[in-house]
Amino acid sequence: MEFILRISQSQLTLLEIQENSKSQHEERTVPFSFDNIAMAGQSYEQRKTGTESAAEASKELKRKKRMKLVVYAAAFAIFQTIVILVFSLTVMRIKNPKFRLTSVTVEDLTAAPTPVSFNMKLSAQVAVKNTNFGHFKFDNTTIWSDYGGVGVGEAFVARGRSKARSTKKMNVTVELNSNNIPNNSSLESDIKAGFVALICHSKLSGKVQLMKLIKKKKSAKMSCAMLLNMETRVVQDINCQ
């Protein structure tokens, strides 16, 4: 009888263990339901949305980078255009130099009222102003002096070179006389008044050279009026155009 009771207790214990194991297995097993499917679908949609958002953000970043490159390229092109334009309007623009009479002094002067005549020797300084970025190489030339449209003298100017953006000054000697002036001119009255008006004119021809590659023919013209004071022997009111 005691043996039978022991067997029954063992069976009851075994049944309890099986029941507990079954209960634990049921607790671990997730029951199938539509709610679980919906939750899984929502999780997939969230992951998909996150992936699409990241892709859109990457595309937007690339688009902004491309726009920056386009802006930089456009700015560089505009800068180059401005540089070329400024270079063309300044460095590459070749102008005619200026040829001027800057000062005149009387070295010797003789004048007679009857018969009216004069002989004089003048020392003059001329200047060649070159505003180009290349030097100006000029040829020999002559400066003519006129009184009332009649030639009264000349001066020789030797060839030379005026450096880029500089002024070359030269000294010349001018000898004048009244041999070619007609008797019916106003020279007699001018000498008696003490003032003789003279005009000096010339043309200086040459070439402007840029960077040893570009050579362009240019010329400089001179037309200077001056008033000679016969009493003080001073040349005054020099006006060049």
C-alpha atoms as a PDB file:
ATOM      1  CA  MET A   1       0.000   0.000   0.000  1.00  0.00           C
ATOM      2  CA  GLU A   2       2.838   2.374   0.818  1.00  0.00           C
ATOM      3  CA  PHE A   3       4.556   1.412  -2.445  1.00  0.00           C
ATOM      4  CA  ILE A   4       1.428   2.295  -4.442  1.00  0.00           C
ATOM      5  CA  LEU A   5       1.238   5.703  -2.750  1.00  0.00           C
ATOM      6  CA  ARG A   6       4.839   6.413  -3.678  1.00  0.00           C
ATOM      7  CA  ILE A   7       4.173   5.570  -7.300  1.00  0.00           C
ATOM      8  CA  SER A   8       1.149   7.854  -7.345  1.00  0.00           C
ATOM      9  CA  GLN A   9       3.157  10.702  -5.837  1.00  0.00           C
ATOM     10  CA  SER A  10       5.862  10.185  -8.473  1.00  0.00           C
ATOM     11  CA  GLN A  11       3.303  10.296 -11.234  1.00  0.00           C
ATOM     12  CA  LEU A  12       1.798  13.440  -9.783  1.00  0.00           C
ATOM     13  CA  THR A  13       5.234  15.049  -9.632  1.00  0.00           C
ATOM     14  CA  LEU A  14       5.936  14.038 -13.246  1.00  0.00           C
ATOM     15  CA  LEU A  15       2.601  15.486 -14.327  1.00  0.00           C
ATOM     16  CA  GLU A  16       3.371  18.753 -12.548  1.00  0.00           C
ATOM     17  CA  ILE A  17       6.753  18.965 -14.279  1.00  0.00           C
ATOM     18  CA  GLN A  18       5.128  18.350 -17.657  1.00  0.00           C
ATOM     19  CA  GLU A  19       2.469  20.947 -16.950  1.00  0.00           C
ATOM     20  CA  ASN A  20       5.079  23.519 -15.937  1.00  0.00           C
ATOM     21  CA  SER A  21       7.152  22.760 -19.021  1.00  0.00           C
ATOM     22  CA  LYS A  22       4.112  23.091 -21.227  1.00  0.00           C
ATOM     23  CA  SER A  23       3.182  26.357 -19.561  1.00  0.00           C
ATOM     24  CA  GLN A  24       6.681  27.769 -20.045  1.00  0.00           C
ATOM     25  CA  HIS A  25       6.692  26.666 -23.675  1.00  0.00           C
ATOM     26  CA  GLU A  26       3.371  28.387 -24.257  1.00  0.00           C
ATOM     27  CA  GLU A  27       4.698  31.551 -22.612  1.00  0.00           C
ATOM     28  CA  ARG A  28       7.748  31.589 -24.922  1.00  0.00           C
ATOM     29  CA  THR A  29       5.720  30.940 -28.047  1.00  0.00           C
ATOM     30  CA  VAL A  30       4.287  34.126 -29.558  1.00  0.00           C
ATOM     31  CA  PRO A  31       0.760  33.505 -30.645  1.00  0.00           C
ATOM     32  CA  PHE A  32      -0.037  34.305 -34.292  1.00  0.00           C
ATOM     33  CA  SER A  33      -2.250  37.368 -34.757  1.00  0.00           C
ATOM     34  CA  PHE A  34      -2.984  40.144 -37.266  1.00  0.00           C
ATOM     35  CA  ASP A  35      -1.714  42.698 -34.736  1.00  0.00           C
ATOM     36  CA  ASN A  36       1.746  41.184 -34.934  1.00  0.00           C
ATOM     37  CA  ILE A  37       1.665  41.376 -38.755  1.00  0.00           C
ATOM     38  CA  ALA A  38       0.590  45.017 -38.630  1.00  0.00           C
ATOM     39  CA  MET A  39       3.406  45.889 -36.237  1.00  0.00           C
ATOM     40  CA  ALA A  40       5.924  44.165 -38.494  1.00  0.00           C
ATOM     41  CA  GLY A  41       4.568  46.074 -41.479  1.00  0.00           C
ATOM     42  CA  GLN A  42       4.844  49.367 -39.645  1.00  0.00           C
ATOM     43  CA  SER A  43       8.448  48.616 -38.694  1.00  0.00           C
ATOM     44  CA  TYR A  44       9.286  47.856 -42.339  1.00  0.00           C
ATOM     45  CA  GLU A  45       7.626  51.060 -43.500  1.00  0.00           C
ATOM     46  CA  GLN A  46       9.557  53.059 -40.938  1.00  0.00           C
ATOM     47  CA  ARG A  47      12.845  51.534 -42.053  1.00  0.00           C
ATOM     48  CA  LYS A  48      11.911  52.156 -45.683  1.00  0.00           C
ATOM     49  CA  THR A  49      10.953  55.771 -44.951  1.00  0.00           C
ATOM     50  CA  GLY A  50      14.217  56.326 -43.080  1.00  0.00           C
ATOM     51  CA  THR A  51      16.206  54.895 -45.988  1.00  0.00           C
ATOM     52  CA  GLU A  52      14.354  57.089 -48.491  1.00  0.00           C
ATOM     53  CA  SER A  53      14.897  60.176 -46.298  1.00  0.00           C
ATOM     54  CA  ALA A  54      18.626  59.447 -46.131  1.00  0.00           C
ATOM     55  CA  ALA A  55      18.753  59.020 -49.899  1.00  0.00           C
ATOM     56  CA  GLU A  56      16.892  62.313 -50.433  1.00  0.00           C
ATOM     57  CA  ALA A  57      19.244  64.084 -48.033  1.00  0.00           C
ATOM     58  CA  SER A  58      22.237  62.677 -49.917  1.00  0.00           C
ATOM     59  CA  LYS A  59      20.772  63.823 -53.247  1.00  0.00           C
ATOM     60  CA  GLU A  60      20.108  67.310 -51.836  1.00  0.00           C
ATOM     61  CA  LEU A  61      23.679  67.528 -50.542  1.00  0.00           C
ATOM     62  CA  LYS A  62      25.058  66.519 -53.952  1.00  0.00           C
ATOM     63  CA  ARG A  63      22.805  69.057 -55.659  1.00  0.00           C
ATOM     64  CA  LYS A  64      24.058  71.823 -53.365  1.00  0.00           C
ATOM     65  CA  LYS A  65      27.654  70.833 -54.100  1.00  0.00           C
ATOM     66  CA  ARG A  66      26.973  70.972 -57.838  1.00  0.00           C
ATOM     67  CA  MET A  67      25.364  74.384 -57.460  1.00  0.00           C
ATOM     68  CA  LYS A  68      28.423  75.628 -55.551  1.00  0.00           C
ATOM     69  CA  LEU A  69      30.709  74.365 -58.309  1.00  0.00           C
ATOM     70  CA  VAL A  70      28.577  76.101 -60.932  1.00  0.00           C
ATOM     71  CA  VAL A  71      28.653  79.363 -58.950  1.00  0.00           C
ATOM     72  CA  TYR A  72      32.438  79.131 -58.476  1.00  0.00           C
ATOM     73  CA  ALA A  73      32.960  78.407 -62.177  1.00  0.00           C
ATOM     74  CA  ALA A  74      30.752  81.350 -63.169  1.00  0.00           C
ATOM     75  CA  ALA A  75      32.555  83.668 -60.732  1.00  0.00           C
ATOM     76  CA  PHE A  76      35.944  82.557 -62.081  1.00  0.00           C
ATOM     77  CA  ALA A  77      34.791  83.118 -65.677  1.00  0.00           C
ATOM     78  CA  ILE A  78      33.539  86.611 -64.802  1.00  0.00           C
ATOM     79  CA  PHE A  79      36.821  87.377 -63.019  1.00  0.00           C
ATOM     80  CA  GLN A  80      38.818  86.226 -66.048  1.00  0.00           C
ATOM     81  CA  THR A  81      36.651  88.335 -68.338  1.00  0.00           C
ATOM     82  CA  ILE A  82      37.216  91.417 -66.179  1.00  0.00           C
ATOM     83  CA  VAL A  83      40.980  90.803 -66.078  1.00  0.00           C
ATOM     84  CA  ILE A  84      41.137  90.379 -69.865  1.00  0.00           C
ATOM     85  CA  LEU A  85      39.007  93.481 -70.393  1.00  0.00           C
ATOM     86  CA  VAL A  86      41.147  95.601 -68.070  1.00  0.00           C
ATOM     87  CA  PHE A  87      44.309  94.215 -69.682  1.00  0.00           C
ATOM     88  CA  SER A  88      42.977  95.056 -73.136  1.00  0.00           C
ATOM     89  CA  LEU A  89      41.943  98.582 -72.168  1.00  0.00           C
ATOM     90  CA  THR A  90      45.185  99.417 -70.359  1.00  0.00           C
ATOM     91  CA  VAL A  91      48.216  97.340 -71.257  1.00  0.00           C
ATOM     92  CA  MET A  92      47.241  96.366 -74.802  1.00  0.00           C
ATOM     93  CA  ARG A  93      45.835  99.758 -75.756  1.00  0.00           C
ATOM     94  CA  ILE A  94      48.577 101.568 -77.668  1.00  0.00           C
ATOM     95  CA  LYS A  95      48.392 105.364 -77.793  1.00  0.00           C
ATOM     96  CA  ASN A  96      50.319 107.994 -79.701  1.00  0.00           C
ATOM     97  CA  PRO A  97      53.170 109.454 -77.619  1.00  0.00           C
ATOM     98  CA  LYS A  98      53.331 113.201 -77.011  1.00  0.00           C
ATOM     99  CA  PHE A  99      56.072 115.413 -78.436  1.00  0.00           C
ATOM    100  CA  ARG A 100      56.426 118.767 -76.711  1.00  0.00           C
ATOM    101  CA  LEU A 101      58.698 121.800 -76.439  1.00  0.00           C
ATOM    102  CA  THR A 102      59.254 122.251 -72.700  1.00  0.00           C
ATOM    103  CA  SER A 103      61.687 125.172 -72.466  1.00  0.00           C
ATOM    104  CA  VAL A 104      63.591 127.628 -74.695  1.00  0.00           C
ATOM    105  CA  THR A 105      66.460 129.939 -73.845  1.00  0.00           C
ATOM    106  CA  VAL A 106      68.073 132.594 -76.049  1.00  0.00           C
ATOM    107  CA  GLU A 107      71.797 132.119 -76.516  1.00  0.00           C
ATOM    108  CA  ASP A 108      72.412 134.814 -79.142  1.00  0.00           C
ATOM    109  CA  LEU A 109      70.190 137.511 -80.682  1.00  0.00           C
ATOM    110  CA  THR A 110      70.763 140.357 -83.118  1.00  0.00           C
ATOM    111  CA  ALA A 111      67.988 142.467 -84.647  1.00  0.00           C
ATOM    112  CA  ALA A 112      67.929 145.545 -86.860  1.00  0.00           C
ATOM    113  CA  PRO A 113      64.916 147.822 -87.601  1.00  0.00           C
ATOM    114  CA  THR A 114      66.259 149.113 -90.922  1.00  0.00           C
ATOM    115  CA  PRO A 115      66.514 147.083 -92.955  1.00  0.00           C
ATOM    116  CA  VAL A 116      64.387 144.882 -90.720  1.00  0.00           C
ATOM    117  CA  SER A 117      66.095 141.599 -89.871  1.00  0.00           C
ATOM    118  CA  PHE A 118      67.044 139.296 -87.048  1.00  0.00           C
ATOM    119  CA  ASN A 119      69.412 136.419 -86.347  1.00  0.00           C
ATOM    120  CA  MET A 120      69.140 134.329 -83.230  1.00  0.00           C
ATOM    121  CA  LYS A 121      70.323 131.110 -81.678  1.00  0.00           C
ATOM    122  CA  LEU A 122      68.014 129.251 -79.304  1.00  0.00           C
ATOM    123  CA  SER A 123      68.639 126.319 -77.010  1.00  0.00           C
ATOM    124  CA  ALA A 124      65.493 124.249 -76.569  1.00  0.00           C
ATOM    125  CA  GLN A 125      64.507 121.219 -74.564  1.00  0.00           C
ATOM    126  CA  VAL A 126      62.017 118.805 -76.111  1.00  0.00           C
ATOM    127  CA  ALA A 127      60.282 115.892 -74.414  1.00  0.00           C
ATOM    128  CA  VAL A 128      58.817 112.650 -75.726  1.00  0.00           C
ATOM    129  CA  LYS A 129      56.174 111.410 -73.288  1.00  0.00           C
ATOM    130  CA  ASN A 130      55.347 107.726 -73.740  1.00  0.00           C
ATOM    131  CA  THR A 131      52.304 106.537 -71.753  1.00  0.00           C
ATOM    132  CA  ASN A 132      52.317 103.012 -73.224  1.00  0.00           C
ATOM    133  CA  PHE A 133      53.448  99.834 -71.447  1.00  0.00           C
ATOM    134  CA  GLY A 134      56.010  99.261 -74.209  1.00  0.00           C
ATOM    135  CA  HIS A 135      58.925 101.434 -75.322  1.00  0.00           C
ATOM    136  CA  PHE A 136      58.620 103.874 -78.238  1.00  0.00           C
ATOM    137  CA  LYS A 137      61.483 103.789 -80.722  1.00  0.00           C
ATOM    138  CA  PHE A 138      61.470 106.858 -82.967  1.00  0.00           C
ATOM    139  CA  ASP A 139      63.391 107.945 -86.051  1.00  0.00           C
ATOM    140  CA  ASN A 140      65.317 111.123 -86.882  1.00  0.00           C
ATOM    141  CA  THR A 141      63.152 114.181 -87.313  1.00  0.00           C
ATOM    142  CA  THR A 142      63.318 117.944 -87.780  1.00  0.00           C
ATOM    143  CA  ILE A 143      61.679 120.778 -85.858  1.00  0.00           C
ATOM    144  CA  TRP A 144      60.681 123.694 -88.092  1.00  0.00           C
ATOM    145  CA  SER A 145      60.213 127.243 -86.838  1.00  0.00           C
ATOM    146  CA  ASP A 146      57.866 129.667 -88.621  1.00  0.00           C
ATOM    147  CA  TYR A 147      57.101 133.350 -88.439  1.00  0.00           C
ATOM    148  CA  GLY A 148      53.830 134.372 -90.068  1.00  0.00           C
ATOM    149  CA  GLY A 149      53.715 131.072 -91.988  1.00  0.00           C
ATOM    150  CA  VAL A 150      57.265 131.520 -93.360  1.00  0.00           C
ATOM    151  CA  GLY A 151      60.077 129.185 -92.341  1.00  0.00           C
ATOM    152  CA  VAL A 152      62.800 130.956 -90.350  1.00  0.00           C
ATOM    153  CA  GLY A 153      64.814 128.047 -88.961  1.00  0.00           C
ATOM    154  CA  GLU A 154      65.013 124.376 -88.031  1.00  0.00           C
ATOM    155  CA  ALA A 155      66.512 121.982 -85.504  1.00  0.00           C
ATOM    156  CA  PHE A 156      67.631 118.369 -85.876  1.00  0.00           C
ATOM    157  CA  VAL A 157      66.393 115.651 -83.470  1.00  0.00           C
ATOM    158  CA  ALA A 158      68.329 112.375 -83.469  1.00  0.00           C
ATOM    159  CA  ARG A 159      66.553 109.042 -83.288  1.00  0.00           C
ATOM    160  CA  GLY A 160      66.174 107.438 -79.901  1.00  0.00           C
ATOM    161  CA  ARG A 161      63.907 105.513 -77.581  1.00  0.00           C
ATOM    162  CA  SER A 162      61.465 106.546 -74.911  1.00  0.00           C
ATOM    163  CA  LYS A 163      61.017 103.843 -72.271  1.00  0.00           C
ATOM    164  CA  ALA A 164      57.646 102.453 -71.269  1.00  0.00           C
ATOM    165  CA  ARG A 165      55.551 104.913 -69.261  1.00  0.00           C
ATOM    166  CA  SER A 166      58.325 107.493 -69.103  1.00  0.00           C
ATOM    167  CA  THR A 167      59.413 110.788 -70.638  1.00  0.00           C
ATOM    168  CA  LYS A 168      62.594 111.219 -72.634  1.00  0.00           C
ATOM    169  CA  LYS A 169      64.055 114.725 -72.645  1.00  0.00           C
ATOM    170  CA  MET A 170      66.498 115.997 -75.279  1.00  0.00           C
ATOM    171  CA  ASN A 171      68.307 119.272 -75.892  1.00  0.00           C
ATOM    172  CA  VAL A 172      68.424 120.763 -79.395  1.00  0.00           C
ATOM    173  CA  THR A 173      69.834 123.926 -80.922  1.00  0.00           C
ATOM    174  CA  VAL A 174      67.681 126.125 -83.156  1.00  0.00           C
ATOM    175  CA  GLU A 175      69.169 128.780 -85.450  1.00  0.00           C
ATOM    176  CA  LEU A 176      66.709 131.355 -86.809  1.00  0.00           C
ATOM    177  CA  ASN A 177      66.983 134.210 -89.317  1.00  0.00           C
ATOM    178  CA  SER A 178      64.635 136.510 -91.229  1.00  0.00           C
ATOM    179  CA  ASN A 179      66.119 135.960 -94.692  1.00  0.00           C
ATOM    180  CA  ASN A 180      62.953 134.433 -96.152  1.00  0.00           C
ATOM    181  CA  ILE A 181      60.482 136.891 -94.637  1.00  0.00           C
ATOM    182  CA  PRO A 182      59.011 139.289 -97.276  1.00  0.00           C
ATOM    183  CA  ASN A 183      59.342 143.033 -96.876  1.00  0.00           C
ATOM    184  CA  ASN A 184      55.612 143.593 -96.630  1.00  0.00           C
ATOM    185  CA  SER A 185      55.315 141.522 -93.452  1.00  0.00           C
ATOM    186  CA  SER A 186      54.608 142.872 -89.990  1.00  0.00           C
ATOM    187  CA  LEU A 187      58.102 142.018 -88.750  1.00  0.00           C
ATOM    188  CA  GLU A 188      59.218 145.667 -88.557  1.00  0.00           C
ATOM    189  CA  SER A 189      56.302 146.657 -86.339  1.00  0.00           C
ATOM    190  CA  ASP A 190      56.768 143.528 -84.185  1.00  0.00           C
ATOM    191  CA  ILE A 191      60.463 144.270 -83.624  1.00  0.00           C
ATOM    192  CA  LYS A 192      59.670 147.876 -82.728  1.00  0.00           C
ATOM    193  CA  ALA A 193      57.002 146.624 -80.320  1.00  0.00           C
ATOM    194  CA  GLY A 194      59.593 144.262 -78.841  1.00  0.00           C
ATOM    195  CA  PHE A 195      57.735 140.950 -79.364  1.00  0.00           C
ATOM    196  CA  VAL A 196      58.098 138.350 -82.113  1.00  0.00           C
ATOM    197  CA  ALA A 197      55.698 135.411 -82.287  1.00  0.00           C
ATOM    198  CA  LEU A 198      57.105 132.062 -83.446  1.00  0.00           C
ATOM    199  CA  ILE A 199      55.592 128.637 -84.072  1.00  0.00           C
ATOM    200  CA  CYS A 200      57.559 125.378 -83.870  1.00  0.00           C
ATOM    201  CA  HIS A 201      56.123 122.211 -85.374  1.00  0.00           C
ATOM    202  CA  SER A 202      57.330 118.687 -86.058  1.00  0.00           C
ATOM    203  CA  LYS A 203      56.286 115.046 -86.414  1.00  0.00           C
ATOM    204  CA  LEU A 204      58.018 112.188 -84.635  1.00  0.00           C
ATOM    205  CA  SER A 205      57.443 108.764 -86.226  1.00  0.00           C
ATOM    206  CA  GLY A 206      58.319 105.383 -84.751  1.00  0.00           C
ATOM    207  CA  LYS A 207      57.038 102.110 -83.332  1.00  0.00           C
ATOM    208  CA  VAL A 208      55.699 101.061 -79.959  1.00  0.00           C
ATOM    209  CA  GLN A 209      56.809  97.576 -78.924  1.00  0.00           C
ATOM    210  CA  LEU A 210      54.990  95.480 -76.317  1.00  0.00           C
ATOM    211  CA  MET A 211      56.586  92.410 -74.714  1.00  0.00           C
ATOM    212  CA  LYS A 212      58.931  92.008 -77.701  1.00  0.00           C
ATOM    213  CA  LEU A 213      56.014  90.535 -79.641  1.00  0.00           C
ATOM    214  CA  ILE A 214      53.712  93.357 -80.702  1.00  0.00           C
ATOM    215  CA  LYS A 215      54.977  96.274 -82.780  1.00  0.00           C
ATOM    216  CA  LYS A 216      52.701  99.061 -83.883  1.00  0.00           C
ATOM    217  CA  LYS A 217      53.527 102.212 -85.814  1.00  0.00           C
ATOM    218  CA  LYS A 218      52.744 105.408 -83.951  1.00  0.00           C
ATOM    219  CA  SER A 219      53.607 109.076 -84.358  1.00  0.00           C
ATOM    220  CA  ALA A 220      53.780 112.136 -82.154  1.00  0.00           C
ATOM    221  CA  LYS A 221      53.016 115.613 -83.476  1.00  0.00           C
ATOM    222  CA  MET A 222      54.272 118.909 -82.102  1.00  0.00           C
ATOM    223  CA  SER A 223      52.781 122.366 -82.549  1.00  0.00           C
ATOM    224  CA  CYS A 224      54.074 124.921 -80.077  1.00  0.00           C
ATOM    225  CA  ALA A 225      53.566 128.680 -80.126  1.00  0.00           C
ATOM    226  CA  MET A 226      55.837 131.026 -78.217  1.00  0.00           C
ATOM    227  CA  LEU A 227      56.499 134.728 -77.816  1.00  0.00           C
ATOM    228  CA  LEU A 228      60.041 136.096 -77.916  1.00  0.00           C
ATOM    229  CA  ASN A 229      60.705 139.254 -75.917  1.00  0.00           C
ATOM    230  CA  MET A 230      63.303 141.113 -77.948  1.00  0.00           C
ATOM    231  CA  GLU A 231      64.263 143.488 -75.120  1.00  0.00           C
ATOM    232  CA  THR A 232      64.709 140.976 -72.295  1.00  0.00           C
ATOM    233  CA  ARG A 233      65.721 138.154 -74.661  1.00  0.00           C
ATOM    234  CA  VAL A 234      63.383 135.774 -72.919  1.00  0.00           C
ATOM    235  CA  VAL A 235      61.028 133.289 -74.558  1.00  0.00           C
ATOM    236  CA  GLN A 236      57.675 133.403 -72.813  1.00  0.00           C
ATOM    237  CA  ASP A 237      54.167 131.975 -73.096  1.00  0.00           C
ATOM    238  CA  ILE A 238      55.085 128.584 -74.587  1.00  0.00           C
ATOM    239  CA  ASN A 239      51.845 126.850 -75.543  1.00  0.00           C
ATOM    240  CA  CYS A 240      51.919 123.359 -77.103  1.00  0.00           C
ATOM    241  CA  GLN A 241      49.038 121.352 -78.540  1.00  0.00           C
END
